[in-house]
Amino acid sequence: MPLSPATLLNKMHKDASFDVGNAVSAIVQSFDDSKRGQVLESYLIWAISTERSDSYIDTLLNSAAAKGDFKVPPVLTTVSGTLDTAGLLTAVVVAERKASAARPTDGDQAHARDGQQIRQSVAFYHDQAAPLYLAAVDLQRDGYAPGRRRN
């Protein structure tokens, strides 16, 4: 059974070979490159880095959106009008997978135990990702490159 998206992103965040913060930034910017988008980005990075569950992140983000802290991007709006948190988390997983595949590796397999579980879960979510998210996250078009930081 693969890790949940939130658990997977937290493990990736702790692993120096991944840059989850940059992936979150690229994904959120692709949906909303405004100050309010930065609020969504900061909520999401905080939740991932503090090991929050998928359901906690869903509640957190939808509560913040309901209070007006940020506007839910139309492409991530569910039929009920809430944020598609699972889709957002999956898009981040897919973006980081693409970016990490492009990064040079040092060949060190010291993280084999967690690394295998991370790779299997990333592959699962990549295979399950909806074409809508893959189309919305054209990383080359958005200028996302490994190591690039937001200004």
C-alpha atoms as a PDB file:
ATOM      1  CA  MET A   1       0.000   0.000   0.000  1.00  0.00           C
ATOM      2  CA  PRO A   2       1.484   3.377  -0.940  1.00  0.00           C
ATOM      3  CA  LEU A   3       1.966   6.176   1.546  1.00  0.00           C
ATOM      4  CA  SER A   4      -0.718   8.871   1.631  1.00  0.00           C
ATOM      5  CA  PRO A   5       0.214  12.011  -0.351  1.00  0.00           C
ATOM      6  CA  ALA A   6       0.813  14.048   2.837  1.00  0.00           C
ATOM      7  CA  THR A   7       2.969  11.344   4.423  1.00  0.00           C
ATOM      8  CA  LEU A   8       4.899  10.897   1.198  1.00  0.00           C
ATOM      9  CA  LEU A   9       5.519  14.631   0.848  1.00  0.00           C
ATOM     10  CA  ASN A  10       6.691  14.849   4.454  1.00  0.00           C
ATOM     11  CA  LYS A  11       9.175  12.012   3.920  1.00  0.00           C
ATOM     12  CA  MET A  12      10.363  13.660   0.705  1.00  0.00           C
ATOM     13  CA  HIS A  13      10.644  16.993   2.555  1.00  0.00           C
ATOM     14  CA  LYS A  14      12.947  15.383   5.141  1.00  0.00           C
ATOM     15  CA  ASP A  15      15.120  13.808   2.435  1.00  0.00           C
ATOM     16  CA  ALA A  16      17.753  16.231   1.136  1.00  0.00           C
ATOM     17  CA  SER A  17      17.594  14.692  -2.344  1.00  0.00           C
ATOM     18  CA  PHE A  18      14.106  16.190  -2.802  1.00  0.00           C
ATOM     19  CA  ASP A  19      13.039  19.843  -2.911  1.00  0.00           C
ATOM     20  CA  VAL A  20       9.384  19.715  -1.905  1.00  0.00           C
ATOM     21  CA  GLY A  21       9.249  23.429  -1.070  1.00  0.00           C
ATOM     22  CA  ASN A  22      10.249  24.313  -4.609  1.00  0.00           C
ATOM     23  CA  ALA A  23       7.712  21.838  -6.024  1.00  0.00           C
ATOM     24  CA  VAL A  24       4.927  23.314  -3.856  1.00  0.00           C
ATOM     25  CA  SER A  25       5.920  26.779  -5.032  1.00  0.00           C
ATOM     26  CA  ALA A  26       5.893  25.752  -8.701  1.00  0.00           C
ATOM     27  CA  ILE A  27       2.520  24.031  -8.437  1.00  0.00           C
ATOM     28  CA  VAL A  28       0.789  26.834  -6.544  1.00  0.00           C
ATOM     29  CA  GLN A  29       2.264  29.451  -8.892  1.00  0.00           C
ATOM     30  CA  SER A  30       0.976  27.488 -11.888  1.00  0.00           C
ATOM     31  CA  PHE A  31      -2.551  27.807 -10.456  1.00  0.00           C
ATOM     32  CA  ASP A  32      -2.321  31.229  -8.783  1.00  0.00           C
ATOM     33  CA  ASP A  33       0.774  33.430  -9.087  1.00  0.00           C
ATOM     34  CA  SER A  34      -0.525  36.158  -6.777  1.00  0.00           C
ATOM     35  CA  LYS A  35      -0.053  37.199  -3.139  1.00  0.00           C
ATOM     36  CA  ARG A  36      -3.052  35.055  -2.194  1.00  0.00           C
ATOM     37  CA  GLY A  37      -1.417  32.110  -3.952  1.00  0.00           C
ATOM     38  CA  GLN A  38       1.589  32.641  -1.715  1.00  0.00           C
ATOM     39  CA  VAL A  39      -0.723  32.270   1.290  1.00  0.00           C
ATOM     40  CA  LEU A  40      -1.893  28.881  -0.014  1.00  0.00           C
ATOM     41  CA  GLU A  41       1.751  27.950  -0.603  1.00  0.00           C
ATOM     42  CA  SER A  42       2.797  28.882   2.947  1.00  0.00           C
ATOM     43  CA  TYR A  43      -0.094  26.928   4.507  1.00  0.00           C
ATOM     44  CA  LEU A  44       0.792  23.870   2.435  1.00  0.00           C
ATOM     45  CA  ILE A  45       4.541  23.986   3.142  1.00  0.00           C
ATOM     46  CA  TRP A  46       3.875  24.415   6.866  1.00  0.00           C
ATOM     47  CA  ALA A  47       1.452  21.470   6.929  1.00  0.00           C
ATOM     48  CA  ILE A  48       3.851  19.199   5.034  1.00  0.00           C
ATOM     49  CA  SER A  49       6.860  20.143   7.151  1.00  0.00           C
ATOM     50  CA  THR A  50       4.970  19.582  10.411  1.00  0.00           C
ATOM     51  CA  GLU A  51       3.792  16.090   9.399  1.00  0.00           C
ATOM     52  CA  ARG A  52       0.078  16.869   9.192  1.00  0.00           C
ATOM     53  CA  SER A  53      -2.282  14.229   7.796  1.00  0.00           C
ATOM     54  CA  ASP A  54      -4.157  14.450   4.506  1.00  0.00           C
ATOM     55  CA  SER A  55      -7.438  15.115   6.333  1.00  0.00           C
ATOM     56  CA  TYR A  56      -5.825  17.806   8.519  1.00  0.00           C
ATOM     57  CA  ILE A  57      -4.378  19.527   5.440  1.00  0.00           C
ATOM     58  CA  ASP A  58      -7.751  19.341   3.698  1.00  0.00           C
ATOM     59  CA  THR A  59      -9.509  20.911   6.689  1.00  0.00           C
ATOM     60  CA  LEU A  60      -6.784  23.536   7.149  1.00  0.00           C
ATOM     61  CA  LEU A  61      -6.752  24.655   3.515  1.00  0.00           C
ATOM     62  CA  ASN A  62     -10.520  24.647   3.074  1.00  0.00           C
ATOM     63  CA  SER A  63     -11.008  26.573   6.351  1.00  0.00           C
ATOM     64  CA  ALA A  64      -8.435  29.156   5.254  1.00  0.00           C
ATOM     65  CA  ALA A  65     -10.123  29.481   1.853  1.00  0.00           C
ATOM     66  CA  ALA A  66     -13.540  29.867   3.510  1.00  0.00           C
ATOM     67  CA  LYS A  67     -12.124  32.702   5.673  1.00  0.00           C
ATOM     68  CA  GLY A  68     -10.833  34.420   2.530  1.00  0.00           C
ATOM     69  CA  ASP A  69      -7.130  33.869   3.206  1.00  0.00           C
ATOM     70  CA  PHE A  70      -6.773  32.740  -0.409  1.00  0.00           C
ATOM     71  CA  LYS A  71      -9.012  32.041  -3.388  1.00  0.00           C
ATOM     72  CA  VAL A  72      -9.349  28.426  -4.508  1.00  0.00           C
ATOM     73  CA  PRO A  73      -7.992  28.187  -8.067  1.00  0.00           C
ATOM     74  CA  PRO A  74     -10.863  27.248 -10.437  1.00  0.00           C
ATOM     75  CA  VAL A  75      -9.059  24.156 -11.719  1.00  0.00           C
ATOM     76  CA  LEU A  76      -8.772  22.886  -8.125  1.00  0.00           C
ATOM     77  CA  THR A  77     -12.393  23.579  -7.177  1.00  0.00           C
ATOM     78  CA  THR A  78     -14.550  20.522  -6.522  1.00  0.00           C
ATOM     79  CA  VAL A  79     -18.205  20.268  -7.502  1.00  0.00           C
ATOM     80  CA  SER A  80     -19.096  21.245  -3.929  1.00  0.00           C
ATOM     81  CA  GLY A  81     -16.952  24.383  -4.237  1.00  0.00           C
ATOM     82  CA  THR A  82     -14.118  23.282  -1.964  1.00  0.00           C
ATOM     83  CA  LEU A  83     -10.420  22.882  -2.682  1.00  0.00           C
ATOM     84  CA  ASP A  84      -9.434  19.549  -4.223  1.00  0.00           C
ATOM     85  CA  THR A  85      -6.694  18.986  -1.668  1.00  0.00           C
ATOM     86  CA  ALA A  86      -5.961  15.432  -2.819  1.00  0.00           C
ATOM     87  CA  GLY A  87      -5.452  16.703  -6.362  1.00  0.00           C
ATOM     88  CA  LEU A  88      -3.189  19.509  -5.138  1.00  0.00           C
ATOM     89  CA  LEU A  89      -1.049  17.129  -3.085  1.00  0.00           C
ATOM     90  CA  THR A  90      -0.850  14.672  -5.982  1.00  0.00           C
ATOM     91  CA  ALA A  91       0.225  17.469  -8.338  1.00  0.00           C
ATOM     92  CA  VAL A  92       3.060  18.365  -5.923  1.00  0.00           C
ATOM     93  CA  VAL A  93       4.167  14.708  -5.782  1.00  0.00           C
ATOM     94  CA  VAL A  94       4.187  14.500  -9.591  1.00  0.00           C
ATOM     95  CA  ALA A  95       6.063  17.812  -9.941  1.00  0.00           C
ATOM     96  CA  GLU A  96       8.749  16.754  -7.486  1.00  0.00           C
ATOM     97  CA  ARG A  97       9.063  13.379  -9.202  1.00  0.00           C
ATOM     98  CA  LYS A  98       9.702  15.090 -12.535  1.00  0.00           C
ATOM     99  CA  ALA A  99      12.150  17.552 -11.001  1.00  0.00           C
ATOM    100  CA  SER A 100      14.039  14.915  -9.003  1.00  0.00           C
ATOM    101  CA  ALA A 101      14.375  12.730 -12.096  1.00  0.00           C
ATOM    102  CA  ALA A 102      16.185  15.625 -13.776  1.00  0.00           C
ATOM    103  CA  ARG A 103      18.595  16.197 -10.869  1.00  0.00           C
ATOM    104  CA  PRO A 104      22.008  14.565 -10.880  1.00  0.00           C
ATOM    105  CA  THR A 105      22.395  11.899  -8.197  1.00  0.00           C
ATOM    106  CA  ASP A 106      25.440  11.133  -6.104  1.00  0.00           C
ATOM    107  CA  GLY A 107      24.851   7.391  -6.309  1.00  0.00           C
ATOM    108  CA  ASP A 108      24.519   7.109  -2.512  1.00  0.00           C
ATOM    109  CA  GLN A 109      21.915   4.526  -1.549  1.00  0.00           C
ATOM    110  CA  ALA A 110      22.134   5.226   2.203  1.00  0.00           C
ATOM    111  CA  HIS A 111      18.420   6.017   2.328  1.00  0.00           C
ATOM    112  CA  ALA A 112      17.418   2.623   0.913  1.00  0.00           C
ATOM    113  CA  ARG A 113      14.744   1.782   3.499  1.00  0.00           C
ATOM    114  CA  ASP A 114      12.706   4.987   3.153  1.00  0.00           C
ATOM    115  CA  GLY A 115      13.871   5.543  -0.399  1.00  0.00           C
ATOM    116  CA  GLN A 116      12.185   2.431  -1.730  1.00  0.00           C
ATOM    117  CA  GLN A 117       8.883   3.285  -0.048  1.00  0.00           C
ATOM    118  CA  ILE A 118       9.088   6.856  -1.327  1.00  0.00           C
ATOM    119  CA  ARG A 119       9.842   5.711  -4.895  1.00  0.00           C
ATOM    120  CA  GLN A 120       6.961   3.212  -4.872  1.00  0.00           C
ATOM    121  CA  SER A 121       4.510   5.794  -3.542  1.00  0.00           C
ATOM    122  CA  VAL A 122       5.669   8.465  -5.984  1.00  0.00           C
ATOM    123  CA  ALA A 123       5.212   6.021  -8.861  1.00  0.00           C
ATOM    124  CA  PHE A 124       1.715   5.167  -7.608  1.00  0.00           C
ATOM    125  CA  TYR A 125       0.591   8.808  -7.448  1.00  0.00           C
ATOM    126  CA  HIS A 126       2.206   9.603 -10.766  1.00  0.00           C
ATOM    127  CA  ASP A 127       0.250   6.758 -12.360  1.00  0.00           C
ATOM    128  CA  GLN A 128      -2.978   7.902 -10.670  1.00  0.00           C
ATOM    129  CA  ALA A 129      -2.622  11.610 -11.476  1.00  0.00           C
ATOM    130  CA  ALA A 130      -5.449  13.014 -13.539  1.00  0.00           C
ATOM    131  CA  PRO A 131      -4.501  14.380 -16.980  1.00  0.00           C
ATOM    132  CA  LEU A 132      -5.960  17.722 -15.859  1.00  0.00           C
ATOM    133  CA  TYR A 133      -3.217  18.126 -13.278  1.00  0.00           C
ATOM    134  CA  LEU A 134      -0.496  16.937 -15.590  1.00  0.00           C
ATOM    135  CA  ALA A 135      -1.602  19.461 -18.200  1.00  0.00           C
ATOM    136  CA  ALA A 136      -1.858  22.259 -15.624  1.00  0.00           C
ATOM    137  CA  VAL A 137       1.616  21.530 -14.334  1.00  0.00           C
ATOM    138  CA  ASP A 138       3.711  21.819 -17.445  1.00  0.00           C
ATOM    139  CA  LEU A 139       6.902  22.419 -15.540  1.00  0.00           C
ATOM    140  CA  GLN A 140       9.016  23.524 -18.459  1.00  0.00           C
ATOM    141  CA  ARG A 141       6.420  26.060 -19.547  1.00  0.00           C
ATOM    142  CA  ASP A 142       6.249  27.457 -16.015  1.00  0.00           C
ATOM    143  CA  GLY A 143      10.020  27.670 -15.806  1.00  0.00           C
ATOM    144  CA  TYR A 144      10.372  25.194 -12.932  1.00  0.00           C
ATOM    145  CA  ALA A 145      13.841  23.742 -12.856  1.00  0.00           C
ATOM    146  CA  PRO A 146      15.728  21.848 -10.166  1.00  0.00           C
ATOM    147  CA  GLY A 147      17.366  24.258  -7.745  1.00  0.00           C
ATOM    148  CA  ARG A 148      15.467  27.333  -8.988  1.00  0.00           C
ATOM    149  CA  ARG A 149      14.098  29.437  -6.148  1.00  0.00           C
ATOM    150  CA  ARG A 150      11.198  31.846  -6.182  1.00  0.00           C
ATOM    151  CA  ASN A 151      12.170  35.516  -6.058  1.00  0.00           C
END
